[in-house]
Amino acid sequence: METDLSLLTIGLTLLALLCGIAGLQLWSSGRAQRRDLLNRLSATAALPPGSGAADTPGRRRRFDALDRRLRGTRLGRGLRRKLQATGLDITPGEYAAYVLGAVAVLWLLGTAVLAPFFGPLCGAVALWGGNAFLNWQRARRTERFIGQLPELARLIANGTAAGLAMRTALSMAAEEMEDPAGAELATVADQLAVGRSMEEALTELGDRLPSRELNVLVTTLILANRAGGTIVASLRNLTTTLEERKETRREVRTVLAEVNATAVTVPLLGVGALLMINGMSPGALGRVTGSTGGQIAMVVALALYIVGFVVVRRFGRIDV
């Protein structure tokens, strides 16, 4: 009896060992496949839409480990969407590494050139500058897309007038138009090809490049796809309206160019004054910021410059 129990115990132990080895091998294989998939995604996911990343090998990506860590966070996912909207050929990991490097460099420069008090301030300026650069690049790409909207609406109207379905008209427009409209429409066409609805794909396009003009076009296409109607006449009327708005926006930008230049000049004057004071009397900023009162004065002055920048920019921002 004891012999049978011992044999049963040994058999169960061997079976458990075999199951453990098989499970370990399966886990190792799955982990290797996941790593390979992440590496492929890292090489193509941050490329601009429609850049042909699926057909040609992309450039070698840097900071893959940091990029993989960021992709699993909410911040990383938001950063990835923002980078895709800018059209930049850069991954979230690369962007984070470059911004952190800029923070370190400006921190050291502020400490060495001005005073130790200005090191953290220069680092904060680097963080703000990185985000401001993405916003500027996104706004620039959106402006280019808005400039292409009249031609886009005309192509879709001509395609639907010729009897093409809405999806086919969008695919045709994606092939004929240049970036960024061509790349964004190619993304919409790819999403429609894998089964996403027209409303979801167009709504996501409006979220990537927010503007009133694009929202009007997206709403028109969604309503036409949902309820039917005179889509051709609506698109041709919309084309005329978009052409007029395009000219109006150009005139407004020309009139407000001086105001926007003033908004940038105001903080630059403050930085120039600090450099001039420190050049005329080396170590003056260090002595001023060495006391609590001096630090409070510097923070107040910095806040006033920021308020001036925001106020002037607000004066130069007119929604057309």
Protein backbone atom coordinates (compact mmCIF):
# COMPACT_ATOMS: atom_id res chain seq x y z
CA MET A 1 0.00 0.00 0.00
CA GLU A 2 2.77 2.38 0.92
CA THR A 3 4.61 1.47 -2.31
CA ASP A 4 1.54 2.34 -4.40
CA LEU A 5 1.17 5.66 -2.56
CA SER A 6 4.83 6.48 -3.14
CA LEU A 7 4.56 5.67 -6.84
CA LEU A 8 1.43 7.84 -7.09
CA THR A 9 3.20 10.72 -5.36
CA ILE A 10 6.20 10.42 -7.65
CA GLY A 11 3.94 10.25 -10.70
CA LEU A 12 2.00 13.36 -9.66
CA THR A 13 5.23 15.18 -8.91
CA LEU A 14 6.62 14.33 -12.34
CA LEU A 15 3.35 15.38 -13.98
CA ALA A 16 3.39 18.70 -12.10
CA LEU A 17 7.02 19.21 -13.12
CA LEU A 18 6.21 18.55 -16.77
CA CYS A 19 3.25 20.96 -16.62
CA GLY A 20 5.48 23.58 -15.00
CA ILE A 21 8.13 23.17 -17.71
CA ALA A 22 5.50 23.38 -20.46
CA GLY A 23 3.96 26.47 -18.85
CA LEU A 24 7.35 28.14 -18.50
CA GLN A 25 8.14 27.43 -22.14
CA LEU A 26 4.77 28.79 -23.23
CA TRP A 27 5.23 31.93 -21.11
CA SER A 28 8.73 32.47 -22.51
CA SER A 29 7.46 32.08 -26.08
CA GLY A 30 4.59 34.51 -25.49
CA ARG A 31 6.93 37.05 -23.94
CA ALA A 32 9.27 36.81 -26.93
CA GLN A 33 6.35 37.30 -29.34
CA ARG A 34 5.13 40.29 -27.33
CA ARG A 35 8.62 41.84 -27.38
CA ASP A 36 8.85 41.31 -31.13
CA LEU A 37 5.43 42.91 -31.64
CA LEU A 38 6.36 45.92 -29.50
CA ASN A 39 9.58 46.35 -31.46
CA ARG A 40 7.65 46.38 -34.74
CA LEU A 41 5.13 48.83 -33.34
CA SER A 42 7.91 51.06 -32.06
CA ALA A 43 9.36 51.18 -35.55
CA THR A 44 6.12 52.24 -37.23
CA ALA A 45 3.48 53.52 -34.80
CA ALA A 46 4.84 57.06 -34.42
CA LEU A 47 5.33 57.64 -38.13
CA PRO A 48 3.06 60.20 -39.78
CA PRO A 49 -0.17 58.72 -41.14
CA GLY A 50 0.20 57.42 -44.66
CA SER A 51 3.99 57.51 -44.63
CA GLY A 52 4.27 54.00 -46.02
CA ALA A 53 5.71 52.48 -42.88
CA ALA A 54 4.01 49.20 -43.58
CA ASP A 55 5.75 48.89 -46.94
CA THR A 56 9.24 50.16 -46.22
CA PRO A 57 11.40 49.61 -43.15
CA GLY A 58 11.54 52.71 -40.95
CA ARG A 59 14.62 54.24 -39.48
CA ARG A 60 16.18 52.68 -36.42
CA ARG A 61 14.32 53.80 -33.31
CA ARG A 62 16.13 54.97 -30.20
CA PHE A 63 15.17 54.60 -26.54
CA ASP A 64 13.00 51.53 -27.16
CA ALA A 65 12.87 50.59 -23.45
CA LEU A 66 11.62 54.03 -22.46
CA ASP A 67 9.13 53.97 -25.32
CA ARG A 68 7.70 50.61 -24.20
CA ARG A 69 7.29 51.87 -20.65
CA LEU A 70 5.53 55.03 -21.81
CA ARG A 71 3.10 53.15 -24.06
CA GLY A 72 1.54 51.46 -21.04
CA THR A 73 0.76 54.75 -19.28
CA ARG A 74 -2.00 57.28 -19.80
CA LEU A 75 0.59 60.01 -20.36
CA GLY A 76 2.32 57.93 -23.02
CA ARG A 77 -0.91 57.22 -24.89
CA GLY A 78 -1.84 60.90 -24.88
CA LEU A 79 1.64 61.84 -26.04
CA ARG A 80 1.47 59.28 -28.82
CA ARG A 81 -1.82 60.73 -30.13
CA LYS A 82 -0.37 64.22 -29.98
CA LEU A 83 2.75 63.19 -31.89
CA GLN A 84 0.65 61.51 -34.55
CA ALA A 85 -1.35 64.73 -34.97
CA THR A 86 1.87 66.70 -35.53
CA GLY A 87 3.09 64.37 -38.30
CA LEU A 88 6.57 64.14 -36.74
CA ASP A 89 8.64 61.00 -37.34
CA ILE A 90 9.37 60.44 -33.65
CA THR A 91 8.24 58.01 -30.95
CA PRO A 92 7.01 59.01 -27.48
CA GLY A 93 10.17 57.53 -25.98
CA GLU A 94 12.41 59.59 -28.23
CA TYR A 95 10.43 62.76 -27.52
CA ALA A 96 10.59 62.18 -23.74
CA ALA A 97 14.33 61.51 -23.90
CA TYR A 98 15.00 64.64 -25.96
CA VAL A 99 12.90 66.83 -23.66
CA LEU A 100 14.60 65.45 -20.55
CA GLY A 101 17.97 66.11 -22.18
CA ALA A 102 16.92 69.69 -22.95
CA VAL A 103 15.79 70.12 -19.33
CA ALA A 104 19.17 68.96 -18.04
CA VAL A 105 21.11 71.18 -20.46
CA LEU A 106 19.07 74.32 -19.76
CA TRP A 107 19.17 73.64 -16.02
CA LEU A 108 22.97 73.52 -16.12
CA LEU A 109 23.21 76.57 -18.39
CA GLY A 110 20.88 78.60 -16.17
CA THR A 111 22.91 77.65 -13.12
CA ALA A 112 26.28 78.41 -14.74
CA VAL A 113 25.42 81.55 -16.72
CA LEU A 114 22.89 83.25 -14.40
CA ALA A 115 22.63 81.81 -10.88
CA PRO A 116 21.68 78.52 -9.17
CA PHE A 117 18.21 79.95 -8.52
CA PHE A 118 17.51 80.04 -12.26
CA GLY A 119 18.38 76.37 -12.88
CA PRO A 120 14.95 74.93 -12.01
CA LEU A 121 13.26 77.82 -13.83
CA CYS A 122 15.23 77.06 -17.00
CA GLY A 123 14.31 73.38 -16.64
CA ALA A 124 10.63 74.31 -16.39
CA VAL A 125 11.03 76.50 -19.49
CA ALA A 126 12.43 73.48 -21.35
CA LEU A 127 9.40 71.38 -20.38
CA TRP A 128 7.04 74.14 -21.46
CA GLY A 129 9.00 74.64 -24.67
CA GLY A 130 8.73 70.96 -25.60
CA ASN A 131 4.95 71.01 -25.17
CA ALA A 132 4.69 74.39 -26.95
CA PHE A 133 6.66 72.99 -29.89
CA LEU A 134 4.21 70.10 -30.26
CA ASN A 135 1.26 72.49 -30.07
CA TRP A 136 2.86 74.75 -32.67
CA GLN A 137 3.61 71.83 -34.99
CA ARG A 138 0.07 70.52 -34.59
CA ALA A 139 -1.43 73.97 -35.26
CA ARG A 140 0.83 74.37 -38.30
CA ARG A 141 -0.26 71.03 -39.72
CA THR A 142 -3.89 71.86 -38.99
CA GLU A 143 -3.54 75.15 -40.87
CA ARG A 144 -2.13 73.31 -43.87
CA PHE A 145 -4.99 70.84 -43.69
CA ILE A 146 -7.54 73.67 -43.52
CA GLY A 147 -5.96 75.17 -46.62
CA GLN A 148 -6.62 71.89 -48.46
CA LEU A 149 -10.22 71.54 -47.32
CA PRO A 150 -11.82 73.35 -50.31
CA GLU A 151 -10.04 71.04 -52.74
CA LEU A 152 -10.92 68.05 -50.55
CA ALA A 153 -14.62 68.95 -50.51
CA ARG A 154 -14.51 69.46 -54.28
CA LEU A 155 -12.96 66.03 -54.88
CA ILE A 156 -15.50 64.27 -52.65
CA ALA A 157 -18.36 66.14 -54.36
CA ASN A 158 -17.09 65.18 -57.81
CA GLY A 159 -16.65 61.55 -56.75
CA THR A 160 -20.13 61.24 -55.29
CA ALA A 161 -21.59 63.07 -58.30
CA ALA A 162 -19.97 60.44 -60.53
CA GLY A 163 -21.83 57.71 -58.61
CA LEU A 164 -19.03 56.59 -56.28
CA ALA A 165 -19.77 55.52 -52.73
CA MET A 166 -18.59 57.79 -49.92
CA ARG A 167 -15.83 55.36 -48.90
CA THR A 168 -14.58 55.12 -52.46
CA ALA A 169 -14.64 58.90 -52.84
CA LEU A 170 -12.58 59.29 -49.66
CA SER A 171 -10.03 56.72 -50.87
CA MET A 172 -9.77 58.48 -54.23
CA ALA A 173 -9.23 61.84 -52.50
CA ALA A 174 -6.53 60.28 -50.30
CA GLU A 175 -4.62 59.13 -53.38
CA GLU A 176 -4.85 62.44 -55.23
CA MET A 177 -4.15 64.92 -52.42
CA GLU A 178 -0.80 65.80 -50.87
CA ASP A 179 0.05 65.70 -47.19
CA PRO A 180 -1.33 66.31 -44.67
CA ALA A 181 -4.80 65.80 -46.18
CA GLY A 182 -3.71 62.78 -48.20
CA ALA A 183 -2.08 61.10 -45.19
CA GLU A 184 -5.05 61.76 -42.90
CA LEU A 185 -7.57 60.51 -45.47
CA ALA A 186 -5.43 57.43 -46.02
CA THR A 187 -5.71 56.73 -42.30
CA VAL A 188 -9.50 57.15 -42.50
CA ALA A 189 -9.65 54.82 -45.53
CA ASP A 190 -7.56 52.19 -43.71
CA GLN A 191 -9.86 52.36 -40.69
CA LEU A 192 -12.91 51.93 -42.90
CA ALA A 193 -11.25 48.96 -44.61
CA VAL A 194 -10.84 47.10 -41.31
CA GLY A 195 -14.49 47.57 -40.35
CA ARG A 196 -14.74 50.85 -38.45
CA SER A 197 -17.83 52.91 -39.10
CA MET A 198 -17.75 56.11 -41.14
CA GLU A 199 -18.82 58.16 -38.12
CA GLU A 200 -16.08 56.80 -35.86
CA ALA A 201 -13.31 57.29 -38.43
CA LEU A 202 -14.35 60.85 -39.33
CA THR A 203 -14.90 61.82 -35.68
CA GLU A 204 -11.38 60.63 -34.85
CA LEU A 205 -10.05 62.71 -37.75
CA GLY A 206 -11.77 65.78 -36.28
CA ASP A 207 -10.24 65.04 -32.88
CA ARG A 208 -6.73 64.76 -34.33
CA LEU A 209 -6.91 68.08 -36.19
CA PRO A 210 -9.49 70.23 -34.41
CA SER A 211 -10.85 73.18 -36.40
CA ARG A 212 -14.21 74.67 -37.19
CA GLU A 213 -13.84 74.12 -40.91
CA LEU A 214 -13.00 70.44 -40.53
CA ASN A 215 -15.81 69.95 -38.01
CA VAL A 216 -18.28 71.38 -40.53
CA LEU A 217 -17.02 69.05 -43.26
CA VAL A 218 -17.00 66.02 -40.94
CA THR A 219 -20.54 66.79 -39.73
CA THR A 220 -21.75 67.17 -43.33
CA LEU A 221 -20.23 63.84 -44.37
CA ILE A 222 -21.57 62.01 -41.31
CA LEU A 223 -25.11 63.34 -41.78
CA ALA A 224 -25.03 62.54 -45.50
CA ASN A 225 -23.80 59.02 -44.81
CA ARG A 226 -26.40 58.50 -42.10
CA ALA A 227 -29.50 60.06 -43.68
CA GLY A 228 -28.62 60.50 -47.37
CA GLY A 229 -29.80 63.62 -49.20
CA THR A 230 -28.26 66.12 -51.59
CA ILE A 231 -24.65 65.53 -50.60
CA VAL A 232 -23.25 66.90 -53.88
CA ALA A 233 -25.00 70.26 -53.59
CA SER A 234 -24.08 70.53 -49.91
CA LEU A 235 -20.40 69.83 -50.59
CA ARG A 236 -20.23 72.30 -53.46
CA ASN A 237 -21.80 75.02 -51.32
CA LEU A 238 -19.37 74.10 -48.55
CA THR A 239 -16.46 74.40 -51.00
CA THR A 240 -17.38 78.01 -51.75
CA THR A 241 -17.71 78.82 -48.05
CA LEU A 242 -14.36 77.22 -47.24
CA GLU A 243 -12.64 79.22 -49.98
CA GLU A 244 -14.01 82.44 -48.50
CA ARG A 245 -12.99 81.48 -44.97
CA LYS A 246 -9.51 80.59 -46.22
CA GLU A 247 -9.01 84.11 -47.61
CA THR A 248 -10.43 85.67 -44.45
CA ARG A 249 -8.06 83.67 -42.23
CA ARG A 250 -5.10 84.75 -44.36
CA GLU A 251 -6.05 88.42 -44.01
CA VAL A 252 -6.52 88.09 -40.24
CA ARG A 253 -3.10 86.44 -39.82
CA THR A 254 -1.46 89.26 -41.78
CA VAL A 255 -3.12 91.94 -39.65
CA LEU A 256 -2.19 90.23 -36.36
CA ALA A 257 1.41 89.36 -37.31
CA GLU A 258 2.77 92.40 -35.44
CA VAL A 259 0.81 91.56 -32.28
CA ASN A 260 2.09 87.99 -32.26
CA ALA A 261 5.66 89.21 -32.75
CA THR A 262 5.24 91.53 -29.76
CA ALA A 263 4.11 88.60 -27.60
CA VAL A 264 7.40 86.82 -28.28
CA THR A 265 9.50 89.98 -27.89
CA VAL A 266 8.22 90.75 -24.37
CA PRO A 267 9.79 87.70 -22.59
CA LEU A 268 12.93 87.94 -24.73
CA LEU A 269 13.47 91.48 -23.42
CA GLY A 270 13.35 90.14 -19.87
CA VAL A 271 15.94 87.44 -20.60
CA GLY A 272 18.14 90.01 -22.35
CA ALA A 273 17.92 92.33 -19.33
CA LEU A 274 19.04 89.54 -16.99
CA LEU A 275 22.00 88.68 -19.21
CA MET A 276 22.97 92.35 -19.49
CA ILE A 277 22.85 92.87 -15.72
CA ASN A 278 24.92 89.77 -15.07
CA GLY A 279 27.40 90.80 -17.80
CA MET A 280 27.85 94.31 -16.44
CA SER A 281 28.26 93.08 -12.86
CA PRO A 282 29.28 89.40 -12.72
CA GLY A 283 27.62 87.57 -9.84
CA ALA A 284 24.93 90.23 -9.35
CA LEU A 285 22.09 87.78 -9.97
CA GLY A 286 23.62 85.31 -7.55
CA ARG A 287 23.73 87.94 -4.81
CA VAL A 288 20.17 89.09 -5.56
CA THR A 289 18.73 85.58 -5.50
CA GLY A 290 20.74 84.67 -2.43
CA SER A 291 18.11 86.21 -0.19
CA THR A 292 14.45 85.39 0.24
CA GLY A 293 13.37 88.88 -0.79
CA GLY A 294 15.38 88.70 -4.00
CA GLN A 295 13.91 85.32 -4.88
CA ILE A 296 10.37 86.61 -4.28
CA ALA A 297 11.10 89.63 -6.49
CA MET A 298 12.39 87.39 -9.28
CA VAL A 299 9.35 85.12 -9.06
CA VAL A 300 7.01 88.13 -9.18
CA ALA A 301 8.87 89.56 -12.18
CA LEU A 302 8.70 86.21 -13.97
CA ALA A 303 4.97 85.97 -13.25
CA LEU A 304 4.43 89.47 -14.66
CA TYR A 305 6.29 88.56 -17.86
CA ILE A 306 4.16 85.43 -18.20
CA VAL A 307 0.98 87.44 -17.68
CA GLY A 308 2.15 89.95 -20.30
CA PHE A 309 2.86 87.16 -22.77
CA VAL A 310 -0.54 85.54 -22.20
CA VAL A 311 -2.42 88.85 -22.45
CA VAL A 312 -0.71 89.91 -25.67
CA ARG A 313 -1.29 86.49 -27.18
CA ARG A 314 -4.95 86.72 -26.18
CA PHE A 315 -5.23 90.04 -28.01
CA GLY A 316 -3.73 88.44 -31.09
CA ARG A 317 -6.03 85.41 -31.11
CA ILE A 318 -9.16 85.93 -33.15
CA ASP A 319 -11.30 82.93 -34.08
CA VAL A 320 -12.61 83.30 -37.60
